[in-house]
Amino acid sequence: MNFKEELEKKTGEVETILAEYLPKQEGFQGKVLEAMGYAVSAGGKRLRPLLMRESADLFGETAEGLPCFMAALEFIHTYSLIHDDLPALDNDDYRRGRKTTHVVYGEDIAVIAGDGLLNYAYETALRAFEKAVTIEDYQRTERALKILGRKAGVYGMVGGQCADLLAEKPETEVTEEMLLYIHRNKTAALIQAAMMIGAVLAGADDKAVELMERCAENIGIAFQIQDDILDVTSSLEVLGKPTGSDEKNHKLTYVTMHGLEESKRQVAALSEEAVGILKGFSHRNAFLETLVEQLIYREK
């Protein structure tokens, strides 16, 4: 397997799915639809839909409704990035090497573009019911929707974002427990959604779904620690966004708490456990195993 060629092919397939499910930019709401499209078309690794598809493949079945959830999850991820970049939050002018949505369209349109993508994500996911045929299809789709809502909401990503904002306030004492809560929810929750939904739609049993949730938590925490490492060690040219933003925003990270070397050791340990879980299933997905390792140890 040539991993790089396979990754480019599979990422291209995800791009096709996203283009298919994005709404047409027309009508009086055309400007917000344009901003939504701008944000989604910024590219990126398409990590979450890729992980969803490959997790489904790990359990051997192809669900007709899978593309609906792949697109929906990427729309949710993109809305969160639009809002993260706003002046009220991280105040970043660049994302993936180009100007952020609020810089191009203004804060007002950027806010409702994020709102629009979040709402439209659930419209998109609900379309999976149109593709359901058997009772099992309907049940799996229902369970996938519950996972999507939970992991994206106040008991998942939004909860993590709230804790992350509070952690930046001078009066907040940030403990390691709070920092890991932020990583588990702000970053890992959508990765958990991806891998759990892929497994659920492919008919995996409860034990397997729980293992995928654990695997994805490790990936998410390692991914975020690596992101913190890159914020210290990388550059705008390589990363596609400004570095040093954590220091600028006085944000306490795993790196500032434990140092670079310990952070790198933790990334390695989490990665090893995550890949070990994937290798423990009766069916192997070599591409997924390599994808996880590549994502965790990425340079941008």
C-alpha atoms as a PDB file:
ATOM      1  CA  MET A   1       0.000   0.000   0.000  1.00  0.00           C
ATOM      2  CA  ASN A   2       1.300   3.437  -0.953  1.00  0.00           C
ATOM      3  CA  PHE A   3      -0.125   5.385   1.970  1.00  0.00           C
ATOM      4  CA  LYS A   4       0.359   8.838   0.464  1.00  0.00           C
ATOM      5  CA  GLU A   5      -1.416   7.939  -2.783  1.00  0.00           C
ATOM      6  CA  GLU A   6      -4.213   6.178  -0.909  1.00  0.00           C
ATOM      7  CA  LEU A   7      -4.642   9.164   1.416  1.00  0.00           C
ATOM      8  CA  GLU A   8      -4.901  11.584  -1.508  1.00  0.00           C
ATOM      9  CA  LYS A   9      -7.480   9.368  -3.181  1.00  0.00           C
ATOM     10  CA  LYS A  10      -9.607   8.951  -0.060  1.00  0.00           C
ATOM     11  CA  THR A  11      -9.358  12.659   0.821  1.00  0.00           C
ATOM     12  CA  GLY A  12     -10.521  13.480  -2.705  1.00  0.00           C
ATOM     13  CA  GLU A  13     -13.528  11.230  -2.194  1.00  0.00           C
ATOM     14  CA  VAL A  14     -14.375  13.109   1.004  1.00  0.00           C
ATOM     15  CA  GLU A  15     -14.119  16.429  -0.873  1.00  0.00           C
ATOM     16  CA  THR A  16     -16.598  15.090  -3.434  1.00  0.00           C
ATOM     17  CA  ILE A  17     -19.029  14.126  -0.666  1.00  0.00           C
ATOM     18  CA  LEU A  18     -18.761  17.562   0.956  1.00  0.00           C
ATOM     19  CA  ALA A  19     -19.353  19.326  -2.357  1.00  0.00           C
ATOM     20  CA  GLU A  20     -22.410  17.136  -2.935  1.00  0.00           C
ATOM     21  CA  TYR A  21     -23.968  17.974   0.424  1.00  0.00           C
ATOM     22  CA  LEU A  22     -23.121  21.690   0.629  1.00  0.00           C
ATOM     23  CA  PRO A  23     -26.164  23.894  -0.111  1.00  0.00           C
ATOM     24  CA  LYS A  24     -26.333  26.047  -3.243  1.00  0.00           C
ATOM     25  CA  GLN A  25     -25.254  29.656  -2.693  1.00  0.00           C
ATOM     26  CA  GLU A  26     -28.436  31.430  -3.739  1.00  0.00           C
ATOM     27  CA  GLY A  27     -31.355  33.505  -2.458  1.00  0.00           C
ATOM     28  CA  PHE A  28     -31.463  36.256   0.131  1.00  0.00           C
ATOM     29  CA  GLN A  29     -29.399  33.988   2.397  1.00  0.00           C
ATOM     30  CA  GLY A  30     -26.759  33.658  -0.334  1.00  0.00           C
ATOM     31  CA  LYS A  31     -24.057  35.566   1.554  1.00  0.00           C
ATOM     32  CA  VAL A  32     -24.153  33.302   4.593  1.00  0.00           C
ATOM     33  CA  LEU A  33     -24.211  30.241   2.312  1.00  0.00           C
ATOM     34  CA  GLU A  34     -21.175  31.639   0.507  1.00  0.00           C
ATOM     35  CA  ALA A  35     -19.358  32.095   3.830  1.00  0.00           C
ATOM     36  CA  MET A  36     -20.274  28.544   4.837  1.00  0.00           C
ATOM     37  CA  GLY A  37     -18.874  27.247   1.565  1.00  0.00           C
ATOM     38  CA  TYR A  38     -15.727  29.344   1.956  1.00  0.00           C
ATOM     39  CA  ALA A  39     -15.032  27.858   5.374  1.00  0.00           C
ATOM     40  CA  VAL A  40     -15.687  24.266   4.323  1.00  0.00           C
ATOM     41  CA  SER A  41     -13.636  24.607   1.124  1.00  0.00           C
ATOM     42  CA  ALA A  42     -10.549  25.716   3.076  1.00  0.00           C
ATOM     43  CA  GLY A  43      -9.417  22.114   2.835  1.00  0.00           C
ATOM     44  CA  GLY A  44      -7.453  20.515   5.627  1.00  0.00           C
ATOM     45  CA  LYS A  45      -6.853  16.906   6.546  1.00  0.00           C
ATOM     46  CA  ARG A  46     -10.545  15.890   6.562  1.00  0.00           C
ATOM     47  CA  LEU A  47      -9.543  13.766   9.523  1.00  0.00           C
ATOM     48  CA  ARG A  48     -12.979  13.159  10.986  1.00  0.00           C
ATOM     49  CA  PRO A  49     -14.837  11.937   7.880  1.00  0.00           C
ATOM     50  CA  LEU A  50     -11.800   9.823   6.962  1.00  0.00           C
ATOM     51  CA  LEU A  51     -11.750   8.237  10.401  1.00  0.00           C
ATOM     52  CA  MET A  52     -15.486   7.595  10.169  1.00  0.00           C
ATOM     53  CA  ARG A  53     -15.229   5.814   6.825  1.00  0.00           C
ATOM     54  CA  GLU A  54     -12.171   3.781   7.829  1.00  0.00           C
ATOM     55  CA  SER A  55     -13.762   2.809  11.153  1.00  0.00           C
ATOM     56  CA  ALA A  56     -16.781   1.506   9.253  1.00  0.00           C
ATOM     57  CA  ASP A  57     -14.459  -0.440   6.960  1.00  0.00           C
ATOM     58  CA  LEU A  58     -12.789  -1.981  10.004  1.00  0.00           C
ATOM     59  CA  PHE A  59     -16.069  -3.763  10.756  1.00  0.00           C
ATOM     60  CA  GLY A  60     -16.722  -4.821   7.202  1.00  0.00           C
ATOM     61  CA  GLU A  61     -20.016  -3.225   6.219  1.00  0.00           C
ATOM     62  CA  THR A  62     -20.764  -0.200   4.022  1.00  0.00           C
ATOM     63  CA  ALA A  63     -23.774   1.750   5.277  1.00  0.00           C
ATOM     64  CA  GLU A  64     -25.668   3.777   2.672  1.00  0.00           C
ATOM     65  CA  GLY A  65     -26.138   6.610   5.169  1.00  0.00           C
ATOM     66  CA  LEU A  66     -22.428   6.895   5.989  1.00  0.00           C
ATOM     67  CA  PRO A  67     -21.707   9.821   3.597  1.00  0.00           C
ATOM     68  CA  CYS A  68     -24.474  11.873   5.263  1.00  0.00           C
ATOM     69  CA  PHE A  69     -22.739  11.543   8.617  1.00  0.00           C
ATOM     70  CA  MET A  70     -19.292  12.124   7.121  1.00  0.00           C
ATOM     71  CA  ALA A  71     -20.439  15.461   5.693  1.00  0.00           C
ATOM     72  CA  ALA A  72     -22.410  16.387   8.817  1.00  0.00           C
ATOM     73  CA  LEU A  73     -19.435  15.852  11.105  1.00  0.00           C
ATOM     74  CA  GLU A  74     -17.124  17.925   8.911  1.00  0.00           C
ATOM     75  CA  PHE A  75     -19.729  20.727   8.854  1.00  0.00           C
ATOM     76  CA  ILE A  76     -19.811  20.670  12.663  1.00  0.00           C
ATOM     77  CA  HIS A  77     -16.026  20.701  12.837  1.00  0.00           C
ATOM     78  CA  THR A  78     -15.868  23.639  10.420  1.00  0.00           C
ATOM     79  CA  TYR A  79     -18.459  25.667  12.350  1.00  0.00           C
ATOM     80  CA  SER A  80     -16.351  25.202  15.476  1.00  0.00           C
ATOM     81  CA  LEU A  81     -13.273  26.524  13.643  1.00  0.00           C
ATOM     82  CA  ILE A  82     -15.153  29.591  12.383  1.00  0.00           C
ATOM     83  CA  HIS A  83     -16.181  30.426  15.942  1.00  0.00           C
ATOM     84  CA  ASP A  84     -12.772  29.548  17.431  1.00  0.00           C
ATOM     85  CA  ASP A  85     -11.099  32.072  15.116  1.00  0.00           C
ATOM     86  CA  LEU A  86     -13.395  34.951  16.088  1.00  0.00           C
ATOM     87  CA  PRO A  87     -11.938  37.952  17.969  1.00  0.00           C
ATOM     88  CA  ALA A  88     -13.990  37.010  21.038  1.00  0.00           C
ATOM     89  CA  LEU A  89     -12.214  33.641  21.200  1.00  0.00           C
ATOM     90  CA  ASP A  90      -8.773  32.932  19.675  1.00  0.00           C
ATOM     91  CA  ASN A  91      -8.724  36.006  17.411  1.00  0.00           C
ATOM     92  CA  ASP A  92      -6.838  34.325  14.545  1.00  0.00           C
ATOM     93  CA  ASP A  93      -6.585  35.890  11.091  1.00  0.00           C
ATOM     94  CA  TYR A  94      -5.357  32.781   9.263  1.00  0.00           C
ATOM     95  CA  ARG A  95      -6.587  29.213   9.061  1.00  0.00           C
ATOM     96  CA  ARG A  96      -5.079  26.559   6.768  1.00  0.00           C
ATOM     97  CA  GLY A  97      -2.927  29.162   5.076  1.00  0.00           C
ATOM     98  CA  ARG A  98      -5.659  31.625   4.143  1.00  0.00           C
ATOM     99  CA  LYS A  99      -7.697  34.351   5.809  1.00  0.00           C
ATOM    100  CA  THR A 100     -10.293  33.218   8.308  1.00  0.00           C
ATOM    101  CA  THR A 101     -14.005  33.575   7.669  1.00  0.00           C
ATOM    102  CA  HIS A 102     -14.537  36.645   9.870  1.00  0.00           C
ATOM    103  CA  VAL A 103     -11.649  38.473   8.181  1.00  0.00           C
ATOM    104  CA  VAL A 104     -13.191  37.907   4.737  1.00  0.00           C
ATOM    105  CA  TYR A 105     -16.908  38.270   5.563  1.00  0.00           C
ATOM    106  CA  GLY A 106     -16.969  40.215   8.829  1.00  0.00           C
ATOM    107  CA  GLU A 107     -17.750  39.013  12.328  1.00  0.00           C
ATOM    108  CA  ASP A 108     -21.506  39.205  11.871  1.00  0.00           C
ATOM    109  CA  ILE A 109     -21.663  36.916   8.834  1.00  0.00           C
ATOM    110  CA  ALA A 110     -19.011  34.614  10.321  1.00  0.00           C
ATOM    111  CA  VAL A 111     -21.117  34.069  13.444  1.00  0.00           C
ATOM    112  CA  ILE A 112     -24.221  33.103  11.496  1.00  0.00           C
ATOM    113  CA  ALA A 113     -22.156  31.061   9.025  1.00  0.00           C
ATOM    114  CA  GLY A 114     -21.048  28.961  11.984  1.00  0.00           C
ATOM    115  CA  ASP A 115     -24.636  28.754  13.200  1.00  0.00           C
ATOM    116  CA  GLY A 116     -25.749  27.814   9.701  1.00  0.00           C
ATOM    117  CA  LEU A 117     -23.226  24.982   9.397  1.00  0.00           C
ATOM    118  CA  LEU A 118     -24.211  23.558  12.780  1.00  0.00           C
ATOM    119  CA  ASN A 119     -27.900  23.516  11.885  1.00  0.00           C
ATOM    120  CA  TYR A 120     -27.278  22.267   8.366  1.00  0.00           C
ATOM    121  CA  ALA A 121     -25.116  19.452   9.735  1.00  0.00           C
ATOM    122  CA  TYR A 122     -28.122  17.905  11.462  1.00  0.00           C
ATOM    123  CA  GLU A 123     -30.266  18.370   8.360  1.00  0.00           C
ATOM    124  CA  THR A 124     -27.576  16.471   6.472  1.00  0.00           C
ATOM    125  CA  ALA A 125     -27.256  13.673   9.029  1.00  0.00           C
ATOM    126  CA  LEU A 126     -31.031  13.196   9.071  1.00  0.00           C
ATOM    127  CA  ARG A 127     -30.916  12.407   5.366  1.00  0.00           C
ATOM    128  CA  ALA A 128     -29.397   9.053   6.354  1.00  0.00           C
ATOM    129  CA  PHE A 129     -32.920   7.929   7.296  1.00  0.00           C
ATOM    130  CA  GLU A 130     -33.887   8.281   3.612  1.00  0.00           C
ATOM    131  CA  LYS A 131     -31.265   5.650   2.796  1.00  0.00           C
ATOM    132  CA  ALA A 132     -32.302   3.210   5.520  1.00  0.00           C
ATOM    133  CA  VAL A 133     -33.942  -0.009   4.350  1.00  0.00           C
ATOM    134  CA  THR A 134     -34.063  -2.447   7.255  1.00  0.00           C
ATOM    135  CA  ILE A 135     -35.067  -2.009  10.886  1.00  0.00           C
ATOM    136  CA  GLU A 136     -31.375  -2.390  11.745  1.00  0.00           C
ATOM    137  CA  ASP A 137     -30.544   0.508   9.415  1.00  0.00           C
ATOM    138  CA  TYR A 138     -33.023   2.775  11.186  1.00  0.00           C
ATOM    139  CA  GLN A 139     -31.794   1.719  14.638  1.00  0.00           C
ATOM    140  CA  ARG A 140     -28.156   2.270  13.724  1.00  0.00           C
ATOM    141  CA  THR A 141     -28.941   5.666  12.234  1.00  0.00           C
ATOM    142  CA  GLU A 142     -30.824   6.680  15.371  1.00  0.00           C
ATOM    143  CA  ARG A 143     -27.903   5.625  17.564  1.00  0.00           C
ATOM    144  CA  ALA A 144     -25.435   7.465  15.325  1.00  0.00           C
ATOM    145  CA  LEU A 145     -27.494  10.664  15.632  1.00  0.00           C
ATOM    146  CA  LYS A 146     -27.472  10.402  19.409  1.00  0.00           C
ATOM    147  CA  ILE A 147     -23.689  10.028  19.393  1.00  0.00           C
ATOM    148  CA  LEU A 148     -23.317  13.000  17.035  1.00  0.00           C
ATOM    149  CA  GLY A 149     -25.498  15.253  19.181  1.00  0.00           C
ATOM    150  CA  ARG A 150     -23.871  14.212  22.449  1.00  0.00           C
ATOM    151  CA  LYS A 151     -20.250  14.469  21.327  1.00  0.00           C
ATOM    152  CA  ALA A 152     -20.780  17.832  19.592  1.00  0.00           C
ATOM    153  CA  GLY A 153     -22.769  19.394  22.428  1.00  0.00           C
ATOM    154  CA  VAL A 154     -22.403  20.614  26.001  1.00  0.00           C
ATOM    155  CA  TYR A 155     -21.326  17.148  27.189  1.00  0.00           C
ATOM    156  CA  GLY A 156     -18.710  17.036  24.440  1.00  0.00           C
ATOM    157  CA  MET A 157     -17.049  19.666  22.260  1.00  0.00           C
ATOM    158  CA  VAL A 158     -19.046  22.688  23.475  1.00  0.00           C
ATOM    159  CA  GLY A 159     -18.406  21.712  27.094  1.00  0.00           C
ATOM    160  CA  GLY A 160     -14.701  21.490  26.318  1.00  0.00           C
ATOM    161  CA  GLN A 161     -14.761  24.898  24.641  1.00  0.00           C
ATOM    162  CA  CYS A 162     -16.425  26.387  27.726  1.00  0.00           C
ATOM    163  CA  ALA A 163     -13.764  24.948  30.038  1.00  0.00           C
ATOM    164  CA  ASP A 164     -11.055  26.133  27.638  1.00  0.00           C
ATOM    165  CA  LEU A 165     -12.352  29.708  27.787  1.00  0.00           C
ATOM    166  CA  LEU A 166     -12.591  29.637  31.574  1.00  0.00           C
ATOM    167  CA  ALA A 167      -9.049  28.285  31.753  1.00  0.00           C
ATOM    168  CA  GLU A 168      -7.775  31.462  30.093  1.00  0.00           C
ATOM    169  CA  LYS A 169      -9.164  33.707  32.821  1.00  0.00           C
ATOM    170  CA  PRO A 170      -6.605  34.887  35.411  1.00  0.00           C
ATOM    171  CA  GLU A 171      -8.798  33.848  38.341  1.00  0.00           C
ATOM    172  CA  THR A 172      -9.021  30.225  37.172  1.00  0.00           C
ATOM    173  CA  GLU A 173      -6.543  27.727  38.599  1.00  0.00           C
ATOM    174  CA  VAL A 174      -5.951  25.273  35.790  1.00  0.00           C
ATOM    175  CA  THR A 175      -5.195  21.760  37.015  1.00  0.00           C
ATOM    176  CA  GLU A 176      -4.062  18.794  34.945  1.00  0.00           C
ATOM    177  CA  GLU A 177      -7.546  17.309  35.455  1.00  0.00           C
ATOM    178  CA  MET A 178      -9.130  20.400  33.883  1.00  0.00           C
ATOM    179  CA  LEU A 179      -6.623  20.426  31.039  1.00  0.00           C
ATOM    180  CA  LEU A 180      -7.323  16.777  30.196  1.00  0.00           C
ATOM    181  CA  TYR A 181     -11.071  17.462  30.403  1.00  0.00           C
ATOM    182  CA  ILE A 182     -10.585  20.188  27.789  1.00  0.00           C
ATOM    183  CA  HIS A 183      -8.593  17.859  25.521  1.00  0.00           C
ATOM    184  CA  ARG A 184     -11.084  14.992  25.929  1.00  0.00           C
ATOM    185  CA  ASN A 185     -14.000  17.198  24.999  1.00  0.00           C
ATOM    186  CA  LYS A 186     -12.867  20.113  22.856  1.00  0.00           C
ATOM    187  CA  THR A 187     -10.671  17.936  20.626  1.00  0.00           C
ATOM    188  CA  ALA A 188     -11.292  14.238  21.240  1.00  0.00           C
ATOM    189  CA  ALA A 189     -15.109  14.304  21.309  1.00  0.00           C
ATOM    190  CA  LEU A 190     -15.549  14.806  17.553  1.00  0.00           C
ATOM    191  CA  ILE A 191     -12.905  12.163  16.837  1.00  0.00           C
ATOM    192  CA  GLN A 192     -14.847   9.833  19.120  1.00  0.00           C
ATOM    193  CA  ALA A 193     -18.014  10.712  17.207  1.00  0.00           C
ATOM    194  CA  ALA A 194     -16.293   9.848  13.927  1.00  0.00           C
ATOM    195  CA  MET A 195     -14.978   6.464  14.975  1.00  0.00           C
ATOM    196  CA  MET A 196     -18.011   5.439  17.031  1.00  0.00           C
ATOM    197  CA  ILE A 197     -20.489   6.411  14.293  1.00  0.00           C
ATOM    198  CA  GLY A 198     -18.453   4.534  11.686  1.00  0.00           C
ATOM    199  CA  ALA A 199     -18.490   1.445  13.903  1.00  0.00           C
ATOM    200  CA  VAL A 200     -22.198   1.763  14.745  1.00  0.00           C
ATOM    201  CA  LEU A 201     -23.289   2.189  11.128  1.00  0.00           C
ATOM    202  CA  ALA A 202     -21.208  -0.858  10.179  1.00  0.00           C
ATOM    203  CA  GLY A 203     -22.964  -3.001  12.785  1.00  0.00           C
ATOM    204  CA  ALA A 204     -20.246  -3.257  15.443  1.00  0.00           C
ATOM    205  CA  ASP A 205     -21.312  -4.594  18.846  1.00  0.00           C
ATOM    206  CA  ASP A 206     -21.380  -2.522  22.042  1.00  0.00           C
ATOM    207  CA  LYS A 207     -17.961  -3.713  23.236  1.00  0.00           C
ATOM    208  CA  ALA A 208     -16.333  -2.777  19.941  1.00  0.00           C
ATOM    209  CA  VAL A 209     -17.965   0.682  19.988  1.00  0.00           C
ATOM    210  CA  GLU A 210     -16.650   1.237  23.533  1.00  0.00           C
ATOM    211  CA  LEU A 211     -13.142   0.277  22.399  1.00  0.00           C
ATOM    212  CA  MET A 212     -13.381   2.692  19.483  1.00  0.00           C
ATOM    213  CA  GLU A 213     -14.446   5.430  21.892  1.00  0.00           C
ATOM    214  CA  ARG A 214     -11.362   4.745  24.025  1.00  0.00           C
ATOM    215  CA  CYS A 215      -9.098   4.601  20.982  1.00  0.00           C
ATOM    216  CA  ALA A 216     -10.465   7.913  19.705  1.00  0.00           C
ATOM    217  CA  GLU A 217     -10.003   9.565  23.104  1.00  0.00           C
ATOM    218  CA  ASN A 218      -6.315   8.674  22.991  1.00  0.00           C
ATOM    219  CA  ILE A 219      -6.030   9.960  19.440  1.00  0.00           C
ATOM    220  CA  GLY A 220      -7.762  13.219  20.344  1.00  0.00           C
ATOM    221  CA  ILE A 221      -5.635  13.921  23.414  1.00  0.00           C
ATOM    222  CA  ALA A 222      -2.430  13.058  21.544  1.00  0.00           C
ATOM    223  CA  PHE A 223      -3.570  15.177  18.595  1.00  0.00           C
ATOM    224  CA  GLN A 224      -4.113  18.185  20.859  1.00  0.00           C
ATOM    225  CA  ILE A 225      -0.814  17.774  22.690  1.00  0.00           C
ATOM    226  CA  GLN A 226       0.923  17.556  19.314  1.00  0.00           C
ATOM    227  CA  ASP A 227      -0.940  20.719  18.276  1.00  0.00           C
ATOM    228  CA  ASP A 228       0.420  22.440  21.393  1.00  0.00           C
ATOM    229  CA  ILE A 229       3.919  21.192  20.551  1.00  0.00           C
ATOM    230  CA  LEU A 230       3.638  22.567  17.009  1.00  0.00           C
ATOM    231  CA  ASP A 231       2.455  25.931  18.342  1.00  0.00           C
ATOM    232  CA  VAL A 232       5.828  26.182  20.058  1.00  0.00           C
ATOM    233  CA  THR A 233       8.103  24.562  17.473  1.00  0.00           C
ATOM    234  CA  SER A 234       6.571  25.244  14.047  1.00  0.00           C
ATOM    235  CA  SER A 235       6.011  28.335  11.845  1.00  0.00           C
ATOM    236  CA  LEU A 236       3.215  30.062   9.908  1.00  0.00           C
ATOM    237  CA  GLU A 237       4.688  28.826   6.616  1.00  0.00           C
ATOM    238  CA  VAL A 238       4.625  25.186   7.712  1.00  0.00           C
ATOM    239  CA  LEU A 239       1.527  25.181   9.911  1.00  0.00           C
ATOM    240  CA  GLY A 240      -0.696  27.464   7.804  1.00  0.00           C
ATOM    241  CA  LYS A 241      -1.729  29.526  10.832  1.00  0.00           C
ATOM    242  CA  PRO A 242       0.131  31.782  13.268  1.00  0.00           C
ATOM    243  CA  THR A 243       2.278  30.050  15.874  1.00  0.00           C
ATOM    244  CA  GLY A 244       2.777  31.284  19.394  1.00  0.00           C
ATOM    245  CA  SER A 245      -0.955  31.975  19.794  1.00  0.00           C
ATOM    246  CA  ASP A 246      -1.103  29.961  23.037  1.00  0.00           C
ATOM    247  CA  GLU A 247       1.573  32.165  24.577  1.00  0.00           C
ATOM    248  CA  LYS A 248      -0.068  35.296  23.154  1.00  0.00           C
ATOM    249  CA  ASN A 249      -3.391  34.311  24.757  1.00  0.00           C
ATOM    250  CA  HIS A 250      -1.674  33.260  28.029  1.00  0.00           C
ATOM    251  CA  LYS A 251      -3.081  29.760  27.540  1.00  0.00           C
ATOM    252  CA  LEU A 252      -1.826  26.983  29.782  1.00  0.00           C
ATOM    253  CA  THR A 253      -1.171  23.871  27.685  1.00  0.00           C
ATOM    254  CA  TYR A 254       0.208  20.393  28.290  1.00  0.00           C
ATOM    255  CA  VAL A 255       3.537  21.697  26.960  1.00  0.00           C
ATOM    256  CA  THR A 256       3.707  24.640  29.358  1.00  0.00           C
ATOM    257  CA  MET A 257       2.661  22.366  32.218  1.00  0.00           C
ATOM    258  CA  HIS A 258       4.991  19.421  31.503  1.00  0.00           C
ATOM    259  CA  GLY A 259       7.581  20.634  29.007  1.00  0.00           C
ATOM    260  CA  LEU A 260       8.348  19.521  25.452  1.00  0.00           C
ATOM    261  CA  GLU A 261      10.060  16.210  26.196  1.00  0.00           C
ATOM    262  CA  GLU A 262       7.370  14.889  28.554  1.00  0.00           C
ATOM    263  CA  SER A 263       4.698  16.043  26.103  1.00  0.00           C
ATOM    264  CA  LYS A 264       6.380  14.082  23.308  1.00  0.00           C
ATOM    265  CA  ARG A 265       6.581  10.985  25.527  1.00  0.00           C
ATOM    266  CA  GLN A 266       2.876  11.271  26.337  1.00  0.00           C
ATOM    267  CA  VAL A 267       2.011  11.568  22.643  1.00  0.00           C
ATOM    268  CA  ALA A 268       3.984   8.379  21.953  1.00  0.00           C
ATOM    269  CA  ALA A 269       2.263   6.446  24.768  1.00  0.00           C
ATOM    270  CA  LEU A 270      -1.234   7.505  23.714  1.00  0.00           C
ATOM    271  CA  SER A 271      -0.474   6.666  20.085  1.00  0.00           C
ATOM    272  CA  GLU A 272       0.817   3.208  20.977  1.00  0.00           C
ATOM    273  CA  GLU A 273      -2.306   2.374  22.968  1.00  0.00           C
ATOM    274  CA  ALA A 274      -4.648   3.696  20.242  1.00  0.00           C
ATOM    275  CA  VAL A 275      -2.994   1.665  17.493  1.00  0.00           C
ATOM    276  CA  GLY A 276      -2.906  -1.360  19.809  1.00  0.00           C
ATOM    277  CA  ILE A 277      -6.698  -1.199  20.151  1.00  0.00           C
ATOM    278  CA  LEU A 278      -7.107  -1.106  16.367  1.00  0.00           C
ATOM    279  CA  LYS A 279      -4.764  -4.065  15.930  1.00  0.00           C
ATOM    280  CA  GLY A 280      -6.793  -6.061  18.457  1.00  0.00           C
ATOM    281  CA  PHE A 281      -9.869  -6.465  16.243  1.00  0.00           C
ATOM    282  CA  SER A 282     -10.300  -9.600  14.149  1.00  0.00           C
ATOM    283  CA  HIS A 283     -10.280  -7.533  10.948  1.00  0.00           C
ATOM    284  CA  ARG A 284      -7.288  -5.250  10.352  1.00  0.00           C
ATOM    285  CA  ASN A 285      -7.296  -1.904   8.549  1.00  0.00           C
ATOM    286  CA  ALA A 286      -3.666  -1.059   7.802  1.00  0.00           C
ATOM    287  CA  PHE A 287      -4.602   2.289   6.275  1.00  0.00           C
ATOM    288  CA  LEU A 288      -6.460   3.343   9.432  1.00  0.00           C
ATOM    289  CA  GLU A 289      -3.555   2.304  11.655  1.00  0.00           C
ATOM    290  CA  THR A 290      -1.103   4.300   9.551  1.00  0.00           C
ATOM    291  CA  LEU A 291      -3.504   7.257   9.343  1.00  0.00           C
ATOM    292  CA  VAL A 292      -3.705   7.458  13.133  1.00  0.00           C
ATOM    293  CA  GLU A 293       0.077   7.428  13.478  1.00  0.00           C
ATOM    294  CA  GLN A 294       0.535  10.019  10.713  1.00  0.00           C
ATOM    295  CA  LEU A 295      -2.079  12.351  12.219  1.00  0.00           C
ATOM    296  CA  ILE A 296      -0.657  12.206  15.699  1.00  0.00           C
ATOM    297  CA  TYR A 297       2.915  12.793  14.588  1.00  0.00           C
ATOM    298  CA  ARG A 298       2.034  15.376  11.940  1.00  0.00           C
ATOM    299  CA  GLU A 299       4.148  18.489  11.334  1.00  0.00           C
ATOM    300  CA  LYS A 300       1.222  20.719  10.345  1.00  0.00           C
END
